[in-house]
N, C-alpha and C. Protein backbone atom coordinates (compact mmCIF):
# COMPACT_ATOMS: atom_id res chain seq x y z
N UNK A 1 -92.04 66.85 42.00
CA UNK A 1 -92.10 65.57 41.49
C UNK A 1 -90.38 65.22 41.77
N UNK A 2 -89.87 64.39 42.34
CA UNK A 2 -88.32 64.12 42.24
C UNK A 2 -88.49 63.43 41.05
N UNK A 3 -87.01 63.81 40.89
CA UNK A 3 -86.54 63.26 38.96
C UNK A 3 -85.61 62.21 39.31
N UNK A 4 -85.47 61.11 38.24
CA UNK A 4 -84.59 60.20 38.08
C UNK A 4 -83.30 60.63 37.68
N UNK A 5 -82.42 60.15 37.71
CA UNK A 5 -80.94 60.75 37.12
C UNK A 5 -81.36 60.98 35.49
N UNK A 6 -82.24 60.30 35.17
CA UNK A 6 -82.21 60.42 33.68
C UNK A 6 -83.24 61.56 33.25
N UNK A 7 -83.68 62.30 34.38
CA UNK A 7 -84.44 63.15 34.06
C UNK A 7 -86.18 63.07 34.10
N UNK A 8 -86.50 61.73 34.26
CA UNK A 8 -87.75 61.41 34.54
C UNK A 8 -88.53 61.17 35.43
N UNK A 9 -89.71 61.53 36.04
CA UNK A 9 -89.87 61.02 37.10
C UNK A 9 -89.79 59.87 37.81
N UNK A 10 -89.91 59.48 38.99
CA UNK A 10 -89.47 58.27 39.55
C UNK A 10 -90.46 56.91 38.97
N UNK A 11 -90.04 55.80 39.12
CA UNK A 11 -91.08 54.99 38.64
C UNK A 11 -92.37 54.98 40.16
N UNK A 12 -92.27 54.94 40.76
CA UNK A 12 -93.85 54.88 41.60
C UNK A 12 -94.05 56.46 42.21
N UNK A 13 -93.37 57.09 41.94
CA UNK A 13 -93.53 58.61 42.67
C UNK A 13 -94.77 59.16 42.07
N UNK A 14 -95.42 59.60 42.57
CA UNK A 14 -96.69 60.58 41.97
C UNK A 14 -97.65 59.51 41.93
N UNK A 15 -97.78 58.12 41.87
CA UNK A 15 -98.60 57.43 41.76
C UNK A 15 -99.39 57.04 43.19
N UNK A 16 -100.65 56.63 43.29
CA UNK A 16 -101.32 56.23 44.50
C UNK A 16 -100.77 54.56 44.89
N UNK A 17 -101.05 54.39 46.12
CA UNK A 17 -100.66 53.04 46.61
C UNK A 17 -101.32 52.14 45.92
N UNK A 18 -102.40 52.25 45.48
CA UNK A 18 -103.38 51.28 44.68
C UNK A 18 -102.65 51.00 42.98
N UNK A 19 -102.35 51.99 42.62
CA UNK A 19 -101.88 51.76 41.38
C UNK A 19 -100.51 50.98 41.48
N UNK A 20 -99.47 51.06 42.67
CA UNK A 20 -98.19 50.65 42.67
C UNK A 20 -98.72 49.09 42.98
N UNK A 21 -99.63 48.81 43.83
CA UNK A 21 -99.55 47.22 44.47
C UNK A 21 -101.20 46.74 43.71
N UNK A 22 -101.65 46.56 42.70
CA UNK A 22 -103.00 46.48 42.42
C UNK A 22 -103.32 45.15 42.73
N UNK A 23 -104.27 45.17 43.36
CA UNK A 23 -105.27 43.91 43.86
C UNK A 23 -105.75 42.78 42.69
N UNK A 24 -105.51 41.56 43.19
CA UNK A 24 -105.80 40.41 42.48
C UNK A 24 -107.43 40.46 42.50
N UNK A 25 -107.96 40.12 41.30
CA UNK A 25 -109.14 39.96 41.31
C UNK A 25 -110.12 39.01 41.89
N UNK A 26 -111.22 39.55 42.96
CA UNK A 26 -111.67 38.81 44.06
C UNK A 26 -112.14 37.12 43.41
N UNK A 27 -112.30 36.89 42.57
CA UNK A 27 -112.62 35.82 41.80
C UNK A 27 -111.61 34.92 41.97
N UNK A 28 -110.40 34.95 42.18
CA UNK A 28 -109.14 33.73 41.68
C UNK A 28 -108.80 33.75 43.25
N UNK A 29 -109.15 34.01 44.05
CA UNK A 29 -108.11 33.83 45.17
C UNK A 29 -108.95 32.80 46.38
N UNK A 30 -108.33 31.65 47.10
CA UNK A 30 -108.89 30.84 47.73
C UNK A 30 -109.69 29.92 47.10
N UNK A 31 -110.06 29.74 45.97
CA UNK A 31 -110.52 28.30 45.83
C UNK A 31 -109.88 27.06 45.90
N UNK A 32 -108.51 27.35 45.67
CA UNK A 32 -107.97 25.97 45.80
C UNK A 32 -108.01 25.31 47.52
N UNK A 33 -107.72 26.16 48.35
CA UNK A 33 -107.99 25.92 49.78
C UNK A 33 -108.95 25.31 49.93
N UNK A 34 -110.25 26.08 49.42
CA UNK A 34 -111.67 25.26 50.05
C UNK A 34 -111.71 24.22 48.99
N UNK A 35 -111.39 23.87 48.07
CA UNK A 35 -111.36 23.02 47.18
C UNK A 35 -111.03 21.56 48.25
N UNK A 36 -109.43 21.73 48.33
CA UNK A 36 -108.74 20.92 49.33
C UNK A 36 -109.54 20.47 50.43
N UNK A 37 -110.03 21.71 51.48
CA UNK A 37 -110.47 21.63 52.43
C UNK A 37 -111.67 20.42 52.39
N UNK A 38 -112.59 20.78 51.29
CA UNK A 38 -113.69 19.90 51.34
C UNK A 38 -113.43 18.49 50.85
N UNK A 39 -112.43 18.27 50.03
CA UNK A 39 -111.83 17.10 49.64
C UNK A 39 -111.24 16.26 50.79
N UNK A 40 -110.63 17.02 51.88
CA UNK A 40 -110.06 16.13 53.00
C UNK A 40 -111.31 15.55 53.59
N UNK A 41 -112.38 16.68 53.80
CA UNK A 41 -113.63 16.42 54.85
C UNK A 41 -114.31 14.98 54.19
N UNK A 42 -114.52 15.22 52.59
CA UNK A 42 -115.43 13.93 51.78
C UNK A 42 -114.16 12.64 52.28
N UNK A 43 -113.34 12.89 52.06
CA UNK A 43 -112.24 11.53 52.22
C UNK A 43 -112.19 11.31 53.56
N UNK A 44 -112.59 12.17 54.49
CA UNK A 44 -112.41 11.52 55.88
C UNK A 44 -113.44 11.01 56.44
N UNK A 45 -115.03 11.29 55.72
CA UNK A 45 -116.26 10.45 55.75
C UNK A 45 -116.28 9.36 55.02
N UNK A 46 -115.52 9.14 54.20
CA UNK A 46 -115.47 7.86 53.47
C UNK A 46 -114.84 6.80 54.09
N UNK A 47 -113.38 7.30 54.52
CA UNK A 47 -112.93 6.65 55.34
C UNK A 47 -113.41 6.25 56.45
N UNK A 48 -114.36 6.81 57.30
CA UNK A 48 -114.58 6.59 58.73
C UNK A 48 -116.11 5.37 57.98
N UNK A 49 -116.87 5.69 57.13
CA UNK A 49 -117.68 4.72 56.65
C UNK A 49 -117.45 3.51 56.42
N UNK A 50 -116.14 3.29 55.33
CA UNK A 50 -115.46 1.84 55.13
C UNK A 50 -114.83 1.23 56.32
N UNK A 51 -114.15 2.10 57.34
CA UNK A 51 -113.77 1.35 58.54
C UNK A 51 -114.91 0.63 59.07
N UNK A 52 -116.02 1.21 59.38
CA UNK A 52 -117.02 0.72 59.86
C UNK A 52 -117.45 -0.27 59.40
N UNK A 53 -117.75 -0.65 57.83
CA UNK A 53 -118.21 -1.44 57.20
C UNK A 53 -117.19 -2.87 57.37
N UNK A 54 -116.21 -2.29 57.21
CA UNK A 54 -115.21 -3.44 57.17
C UNK A 54 -114.92 -4.12 58.92
N UNK A 55 -115.21 -2.95 59.83
CA UNK A 55 -115.11 -3.56 61.08
C UNK A 55 -116.47 -4.60 61.64
N UNK A 56 -117.46 -4.01 60.83
CA UNK A 56 -118.78 -5.21 61.03
C UNK A 56 -118.53 -6.34 60.48
N UNK A 57 -117.96 -6.22 59.04
CA UNK A 57 -117.81 -7.44 58.37
C UNK A 57 -116.80 -8.48 59.37
N UNK A 58 -115.65 -8.04 59.98
CA UNK A 58 -114.75 -8.91 60.90
C UNK A 58 -115.46 -9.35 61.51
N UNK A 59 -116.35 -8.40 62.49
CA UNK A 59 -116.78 -8.70 63.41
C UNK A 59 -118.00 -10.22 62.90
N UNK A 60 -118.58 -10.02 62.13
CA UNK A 60 -119.73 -10.99 61.44
C UNK A 60 -118.80 -12.27 60.93
N UNK A 61 -117.64 -12.21 60.79
CA UNK A 61 -117.00 -13.30 60.21
C UNK A 61 -116.07 -13.93 61.89
N UNK A 62 -116.11 -13.30 62.56
CA UNK A 62 -115.67 -13.91 63.79
C UNK A 62 -116.80 -14.73 64.48
N UNK A 63 -118.12 -14.21 63.90
CA UNK A 63 -119.06 -14.77 65.24
C UNK A 63 -119.47 -15.94 64.27
N UNK A 64 -119.37 -16.21 62.65
CA UNK A 64 -119.63 -17.35 61.93
C UNK A 64 -118.45 -18.47 62.70
N UNK A 65 -117.69 -17.86 62.92
CA UNK A 65 -116.48 -18.84 63.31
C UNK A 65 -116.68 -19.57 64.79
N UNK A 66 -117.16 -18.13 65.36
CA UNK A 66 -117.75 -19.19 66.82
C UNK A 66 -118.87 -19.93 66.82
N UNK A 67 -119.93 -19.72 65.97
CA UNK A 67 -120.72 -20.91 65.57
C UNK A 67 -120.26 -22.03 64.94
N UNK A 68 -119.38 -22.09 64.05
CA UNK A 68 -118.65 -23.31 63.74
C UNK A 68 -117.93 -24.14 64.73
N UNK A 69 -117.07 -23.25 65.27
CA UNK A 69 -115.99 -23.95 66.60
C UNK A 69 -116.84 -24.13 67.83
N UNK A 70 -117.89 -23.71 67.98
CA UNK A 70 -118.53 -23.86 68.99
C UNK A 70 -119.63 -25.47 68.80
N UNK A 71 -119.92 -25.59 67.53
CA UNK A 71 -120.74 -26.71 67.12
C UNK A 71 -119.85 -27.84 66.94
N UNK A 72 -118.51 -27.56 66.51
CA UNK A 72 -117.31 -28.37 66.12
C UNK A 72 -117.48 -29.38 67.32
N UNK A 73 -117.33 -28.46 68.90
CA UNK A 73 -117.11 -28.81 70.25
C UNK A 73 -118.25 -29.50 70.46
N UNK A 74 -119.57 -29.06 70.43
CA UNK A 74 -120.72 -29.77 70.66
C UNK A 74 -120.87 -30.89 69.90
N UNK A 75 -120.51 -31.25 68.96
CA UNK A 75 -120.29 -32.73 67.89
C UNK A 75 -119.62 -33.51 68.61
N UNK A 76 -118.66 -33.09 68.78
CA UNK A 76 -117.23 -33.94 69.47
C UNK A 76 -117.45 -34.50 70.90
N UNK A 77 -118.13 -33.70 71.84
CA UNK A 77 -118.69 -34.06 72.80
C UNK A 77 -119.53 -35.06 73.00
N UNK A 78 -120.66 -35.06 71.70
CA UNK A 78 -121.71 -35.98 71.63
C UNK A 78 -121.33 -37.25 71.17
N UNK A 79 -120.18 -37.12 70.22
CA UNK A 79 -119.38 -38.31 69.34
C UNK A 79 -118.69 -39.08 70.80
N UNK A 80 -118.10 -38.20 71.78
CA UNK A 80 -117.68 -38.90 72.71
C UNK A 80 -118.36 -39.61 73.57
N UNK A 81 -119.63 -38.88 74.05
CA UNK A 81 -120.73 -39.41 74.60
C UNK A 81 -120.97 -40.81 74.17
N UNK A 82 -121.42 -40.66 72.87
CA UNK A 82 -121.86 -42.12 72.40
C UNK A 82 -120.88 -43.13 72.03
N UNK A 83 -120.00 -42.93 71.92
CA UNK A 83 -118.66 -43.92 71.84
C UNK A 83 -118.46 -44.38 73.02
N UNK A 84 -118.97 -44.18 74.06
CA UNK A 84 -118.59 -44.39 75.50
C UNK A 84 -118.63 -46.12 75.43
N UNK A 85 -117.97 -46.91 76.05
CA UNK A 85 -117.75 -48.48 75.98
C UNK A 85 -118.80 -48.41 77.57
N UNK A 86 -119.44 -49.63 77.44
CA UNK A 86 -120.05 -49.93 78.78
C UNK A 86 -119.38 -49.75 79.85
N UNK A 87 -119.88 -49.18 81.07
CA UNK A 87 -119.24 -49.02 82.37
C UNK A 87 -118.14 -48.00 82.21
N UNK A 88 -117.82 -47.22 81.00
CA UNK A 88 -117.31 -46.16 80.99
C UNK A 88 -117.62 -44.63 81.27
N UNK A 89 -116.46 -43.64 81.11
CA UNK A 89 -116.88 -42.38 81.41
C UNK A 89 -117.54 -41.53 80.17
N UNK A 90 -118.48 -40.97 80.40
CA UNK A 90 -119.36 -40.69 79.21
C UNK A 90 -118.95 -39.35 78.81
N UNK A 91 -118.41 -38.48 79.68
CA UNK A 91 -118.19 -37.15 79.08
C UNK A 91 -116.57 -37.11 79.26
N UNK A 92 -115.55 -35.98 78.21
CA UNK A 92 -114.36 -36.04 78.42
C UNK A 92 -113.92 -35.12 79.97
N UNK A 93 -112.73 -35.79 80.07
CA UNK A 93 -112.32 -34.97 80.95
C UNK A 93 -111.77 -33.73 80.88
N UNK A 94 -111.08 -33.73 79.89
CA UNK A 94 -110.89 -32.26 79.11
C UNK A 94 -110.77 -32.25 77.94
N UNK A 95 -110.31 -31.19 76.96
CA UNK A 95 -110.47 -30.87 75.97
C UNK A 95 -109.68 -31.84 74.98
N UNK A 96 -108.35 -32.30 75.42
CA UNK A 96 -107.37 -33.24 74.87
C UNK A 96 -108.08 -34.63 74.99
N UNK A 97 -108.93 -34.88 75.64
CA UNK A 97 -109.69 -36.07 75.41
C UNK A 97 -110.42 -36.29 73.89
N UNK A 98 -110.86 -35.30 73.51
CA UNK A 98 -111.57 -35.22 72.32
C UNK A 98 -110.76 -35.20 71.34
N UNK A 99 -109.64 -34.75 71.15
CA UNK A 99 -108.50 -35.19 70.05
C UNK A 99 -108.03 -36.34 70.38
N UNK A 100 -107.68 -37.00 71.18
CA UNK A 100 -107.24 -38.35 71.90
C UNK A 100 -108.04 -39.08 72.57
N UNK A 101 -108.88 -39.74 72.18
CA UNK A 101 -109.64 -40.32 73.26
C UNK A 101 -108.88 -41.43 73.94
N UNK A 102 -108.46 -41.61 75.41
CA UNK A 102 -107.83 -42.37 76.17
C UNK A 102 -108.54 -43.91 76.28
N UNK A 103 -109.72 -44.01 76.23
CA UNK A 103 -110.57 -44.81 76.22
C UNK A 103 -110.35 -45.74 75.15
N UNK A 104 -110.14 -45.70 74.50
CA UNK A 104 -109.61 -46.60 72.91
C UNK A 104 -108.23 -46.73 72.63
N UNK A 105 -107.29 -47.86 72.43
CA UNK A 105 -106.52 -48.19 72.13
C UNK A 105 -105.51 -47.31 70.93
N UNK A 106 -106.51 -47.28 69.71
CA UNK A 106 -105.60 -46.35 68.83
C UNK A 106 -105.73 -44.93 69.02
N UNK A 107 -106.36 -44.38 70.28
CA UNK A 107 -106.75 -42.94 70.41
C UNK A 107 -107.47 -42.66 69.45
N UNK A 108 -108.97 -42.90 69.67
CA UNK A 108 -109.78 -41.92 68.67
C UNK A 108 -109.98 -40.45 68.76
N UNK A 109 -110.14 -40.14 67.32
CA UNK A 109 -110.43 -38.87 67.59
C UNK A 109 -111.80 -38.22 67.51
N UNK A 110 -112.17 -37.21 68.10
CA UNK A 110 -114.03 -37.01 67.78
C UNK A 110 -113.89 -35.22 67.30
N UNK A 111 -112.72 -34.88 67.24
CA UNK A 111 -112.39 -33.32 66.84
C UNK A 111 -111.14 -33.31 65.98
N UNK A 112 -111.11 -32.85 64.76
CA UNK A 112 -109.90 -32.60 64.20
C UNK A 112 -108.74 -32.14 65.06
N UNK A 113 -109.06 -30.75 65.34
CA UNK A 113 -107.84 -30.12 66.19
C UNK A 113 -108.79 -29.24 67.27
N UNK A 114 -108.05 -28.74 68.10
CA UNK A 114 -108.63 -27.95 69.19
C UNK A 114 -108.63 -26.51 68.83
N UNK A 115 -109.94 -26.12 68.58
CA UNK A 115 -110.14 -24.80 68.14
C UNK A 115 -109.66 -23.93 69.32
N UNK A 116 -109.19 -22.61 68.79
CA UNK A 116 -109.52 -21.61 69.92
C UNK A 116 -110.51 -20.70 69.76
N UNK A 117 -111.00 -19.97 70.75
CA UNK A 117 -112.13 -19.16 70.90
C UNK A 117 -111.99 -18.07 69.81
N UNK A 118 -112.71 -18.04 68.83
CA UNK A 118 -112.44 -16.90 67.88
C UNK A 118 -112.37 -15.19 68.32
N UNK A 119 -113.14 -15.37 69.38
CA UNK A 119 -113.44 -13.98 70.03
C UNK A 119 -112.21 -13.53 70.95
N UNK A 120 -110.94 -14.25 70.73
CA UNK A 120 -109.72 -13.96 71.16
C UNK A 120 -109.59 -14.21 72.54
N UNK A 121 -109.85 -15.03 73.16
CA UNK A 121 -110.32 -15.28 74.92
C UNK A 121 -109.93 -16.71 74.55
N UNK A 122 -110.02 -17.48 75.96
CA UNK A 122 -109.81 -18.94 76.11
C UNK A 122 -111.17 -19.49 76.31
N UNK A 123 -111.56 -20.56 75.66
CA UNK A 123 -113.14 -21.33 76.16
C UNK A 123 -113.29 -21.11 77.60
N UNK A 124 -114.49 -20.96 78.02
CA UNK A 124 -115.06 -21.18 79.19
C UNK A 124 -115.50 -22.95 79.41
N UNK A 125 -115.40 -23.49 80.02
CA UNK A 125 -115.96 -25.02 79.96
C UNK A 125 -117.04 -25.23 80.82
N UNK A 126 -117.65 -25.95 80.43
CA UNK A 126 -119.12 -26.21 80.82
C UNK A 126 -119.35 -27.36 81.60
N UNK A 127 -119.06 -27.60 83.02
CA UNK A 127 -118.48 -28.98 83.39
C UNK A 127 -119.87 -29.61 84.09
N UNK A 128 -119.87 -30.72 84.36
CA UNK A 128 -121.24 -31.45 84.44
C UNK A 128 -120.62 -32.22 85.85
N UNK A 129 -121.45 -33.01 86.53
CA UNK A 129 -120.55 -33.88 87.61
C UNK A 129 -119.96 -34.44 87.67
N UNK A 130 -119.07 -34.22 88.51
CA UNK A 130 -117.45 -34.85 88.61
C UNK A 130 -116.35 -34.04 87.80
N UNK A 131 -116.95 -32.84 87.44
CA UNK A 131 -115.98 -32.19 86.44
C UNK A 131 -115.68 -32.08 85.53
N UNK A 132 -117.08 -33.28 84.46
CA UNK A 132 -116.61 -33.69 83.37
C UNK A 132 -116.60 -32.37 82.19
N UNK A 133 -116.21 -32.37 81.12
CA UNK A 133 -116.75 -31.64 80.49
C UNK A 133 -118.22 -31.81 79.30
N UNK A 134 -119.08 -30.71 79.57
CA UNK A 134 -120.24 -30.92 78.69
C UNK A 134 -120.53 -30.05 77.72
N UNK A 135 -119.75 -29.21 77.38
CA UNK A 135 -119.69 -27.88 76.43
C UNK A 135 -118.61 -27.23 76.35
N UNK A 136 -118.79 -25.88 76.03
CA UNK A 136 -118.01 -24.88 75.75
C UNK A 136 -118.45 -23.80 75.52
N UNK A 137 -117.86 -22.31 76.16
CA UNK A 137 -118.34 -21.36 75.99
C UNK A 137 -117.92 -20.09 75.79
N UNK A 138 -117.91 -18.98 74.81
CA UNK A 138 -116.73 -18.26 74.72
C UNK A 138 -116.97 -17.12 76.18
N UNK A 139 -116.11 -16.61 76.77
CA UNK A 139 -116.33 -15.68 78.04
C UNK A 139 -116.46 -14.13 77.44
N UNK A 140 -116.75 -13.99 76.08
CA UNK A 140 -116.56 -12.49 75.35
C UNK A 140 -118.02 -11.92 75.83
N UNK A 141 -117.94 -10.68 76.40
CA UNK A 141 -118.89 -9.94 76.79
C UNK A 141 -119.65 -8.83 75.51
N UNK A 142 -119.15 -9.09 74.37
CA UNK A 142 -119.65 -8.23 73.17
C UNK A 142 -121.01 -8.31 73.04
N UNK A 143 -121.53 -7.77 72.03
CA UNK A 143 -123.07 -8.06 71.83
C UNK A 143 -122.96 -8.88 70.42
N UNK A 144 -123.54 -9.80 70.34
CA UNK A 144 -123.69 -10.18 68.88
C UNK A 144 -124.42 -9.45 67.75
N UNK A 145 -123.82 -9.57 66.76
CA UNK A 145 -124.52 -9.16 65.26
C UNK A 145 -125.95 -9.75 65.41
N UNK A 146 -125.83 -11.15 65.02
CA UNK A 146 -126.75 -12.24 64.88
C UNK A 146 -127.80 -12.34 65.93
N UNK A 147 -128.93 -12.39 65.61
CA UNK A 147 -130.11 -12.25 67.13
C UNK A 147 -131.22 -13.08 66.53
N UNK A 148 -131.38 -13.70 65.32
CA UNK A 148 -132.34 -14.59 65.13
C UNK A 148 -131.89 -15.55 64.06
N UNK A 149 -132.44 -16.43 63.77
CA UNK A 149 -132.33 -17.20 62.76
C UNK A 149 -131.51 -18.36 62.99
N UNK A 150 -131.34 -18.82 64.32
CA UNK A 150 -130.40 -19.82 64.44
C UNK A 150 -131.67 -21.02 64.41
N UNK A 151 -130.96 -22.33 64.21
CA UNK A 151 -131.27 -23.58 64.36
C UNK A 151 -132.01 -24.17 65.65
N UNK A 152 -133.08 -25.26 65.79
CA UNK A 152 -133.59 -25.16 66.94
C UNK A 152 -133.04 -25.56 67.94
N UNK A 153 -131.82 -26.44 67.61
CA UNK A 153 -130.97 -26.64 68.94
C UNK A 153 -130.31 -25.68 69.70
N UNK A 154 -130.48 -24.30 69.01
CA UNK A 154 -129.72 -23.12 69.14
C UNK A 154 -130.66 -21.96 69.58
N UNK A 155 -131.93 -22.45 69.53
CA UNK A 155 -133.18 -21.46 69.99
C UNK A 155 -132.95 -20.42 71.09
N UNK A 156 -131.89 -20.81 72.15
CA UNK A 156 -131.51 -20.20 73.30
C UNK A 156 -130.87 -19.18 73.21
N UNK A 157 -130.02 -18.76 71.71
CA UNK A 157 -129.24 -17.86 71.38
C UNK A 157 -129.58 -16.35 70.99
N UNK A 158 -130.89 -16.61 70.52
CA UNK A 158 -132.02 -15.86 69.87
C UNK A 158 -131.94 -14.52 70.90
N UNK A 159 -131.66 -13.29 70.61
CA UNK A 159 -131.91 -12.19 71.47
C UNK A 159 -130.53 -12.15 72.51
N UNK A 160 -129.78 -12.76 72.33
CA UNK A 160 -128.69 -13.02 73.23
C UNK A 160 -127.93 -11.59 73.44
N UNK A 161 -127.60 -11.15 74.68
CA UNK A 161 -126.90 -10.04 74.89
C UNK A 161 -125.44 -9.98 74.69
N UNK A 162 -125.06 -11.32 75.15
CA UNK A 162 -123.79 -11.32 74.98
C UNK A 162 -123.16 -12.56 74.22
N UNK A 163 -121.92 -12.59 73.45
CA UNK A 163 -121.49 -14.06 73.32
C UNK A 163 -121.36 -15.29 74.39
N UNK A 164 -121.43 -14.82 75.46
CA UNK A 164 -121.05 -15.70 76.71
C UNK A 164 -122.51 -16.34 76.87
N UNK A 165 -123.70 -15.92 76.11
CA UNK A 165 -124.94 -16.60 76.18
C UNK A 165 -125.04 -17.91 75.65
N UNK A 166 -123.89 -17.54 74.21
CA UNK A 166 -124.04 -18.77 73.80
C UNK A 166 -123.29 -19.77 74.11
N UNK A 167 -124.23 -20.90 74.74
CA UNK A 167 -123.43 -22.20 75.49
C UNK A 167 -123.60 -23.42 74.47
N UNK A 168 -122.65 -23.74 74.23
CA UNK A 168 -122.43 -25.08 73.54
C UNK A 168 -122.48 -26.23 73.99
N UNK A 169 -123.49 -27.10 74.18
CA UNK A 169 -123.17 -27.70 75.04
C UNK A 169 -123.90 -29.23 74.65
N UNK A 170 -123.59 -30.35 74.83
CA UNK A 170 -124.72 -31.35 74.47
C UNK A 170 -125.18 -32.29 75.54
N UNK A 171 -126.13 -32.61 75.88
CA UNK A 171 -127.05 -32.65 76.90
C UNK A 171 -127.74 -34.19 75.93
N UNK A 172 -127.64 -35.12 76.63
CA UNK A 172 -128.35 -36.40 76.19
C UNK A 172 -129.76 -36.16 75.99
N UNK A 173 -130.73 -36.75 75.08
CA UNK A 173 -132.01 -36.59 74.78
C UNK A 173 -132.60 -37.85 75.99
N UNK A 174 -133.64 -37.80 76.46
CA UNK A 174 -134.84 -38.44 77.13
C UNK A 174 -134.81 -39.94 76.50
N UNK A 175 -134.63 -41.01 76.77
CA UNK A 175 -134.88 -42.17 76.14
C UNK A 175 -136.26 -42.46 75.36
N UNK A 176 -136.29 -42.90 74.18
CA UNK A 176 -137.42 -42.91 73.22
C UNK A 176 -137.62 -41.27 72.26
N UNK A 177 -136.46 -40.67 72.19
CA UNK A 177 -136.36 -39.29 71.65
C UNK A 177 -135.29 -39.44 70.84
N UNK A 178 -135.43 -38.69 69.40
CA UNK A 178 -134.34 -38.77 68.41
C UNK A 178 -133.30 -37.59 68.80
N UNK A 179 -132.12 -37.77 68.95
CA UNK A 179 -131.13 -36.56 68.44
C UNK A 179 -130.46 -36.67 67.62
N UNK A 180 -130.33 -35.68 66.90
CA UNK A 180 -129.53 -35.26 65.89
C UNK A 180 -128.68 -34.25 65.70
N UNK A 181 -127.39 -34.58 65.56
CA UNK A 181 -126.62 -33.46 65.64
C UNK A 181 -126.87 -32.36 64.84
N UNK A 182 -126.87 -31.21 65.27
CA UNK A 182 -127.08 -30.11 64.55
C UNK A 182 -125.41 -29.24 64.25
N UNK A 183 -125.52 -29.43 62.64
CA UNK A 183 -124.48 -28.82 62.25
C UNK A 183 -124.71 -27.24 61.99
N UNK A 184 -123.61 -26.24 61.67
CA UNK A 184 -124.00 -24.94 61.24
C UNK A 184 -123.38 -25.04 59.86
N UNK A 185 -124.06 -24.39 59.34
CA UNK A 185 -123.43 -23.92 57.65
C UNK A 185 -123.88 -22.75 57.12
């Protein structure tokens, strides 16, 4: 056995490799890594769920706004129609006519502002004879979340496959029947 200068055997000389490099106990290694990995997976799942819920709520809010704005246009067109002086044009020529009716000296308003389509596109106009505007419709091809529970005047919206199937249009009722404007609340 080699001796150190002090005459003592060398520090690791004569010992086995196991004694020179003792192992850590098996129950201490890797737990922190596994716990961090599990935490990351759980946080990822929770984040994905939160994003999905928020996305659904945002779409629901936009859908409700579409119903409100479409209803506002439908009511404005109805008001324009019912305000028509004898012998005058019964429907607006453009949406601006709803904001400032050219048929009246004081520029009567039928709608407060010209609302944009909440689905992010410009409205498609429902045209009648002579190019007059009878309604508006969103060009969006997204599938609506709301599929039932519409007022009677919007019964055609039930089961719609696209928002573009929700047509906000005013059609006068035949003589002798009573028309009530439908509002969305």
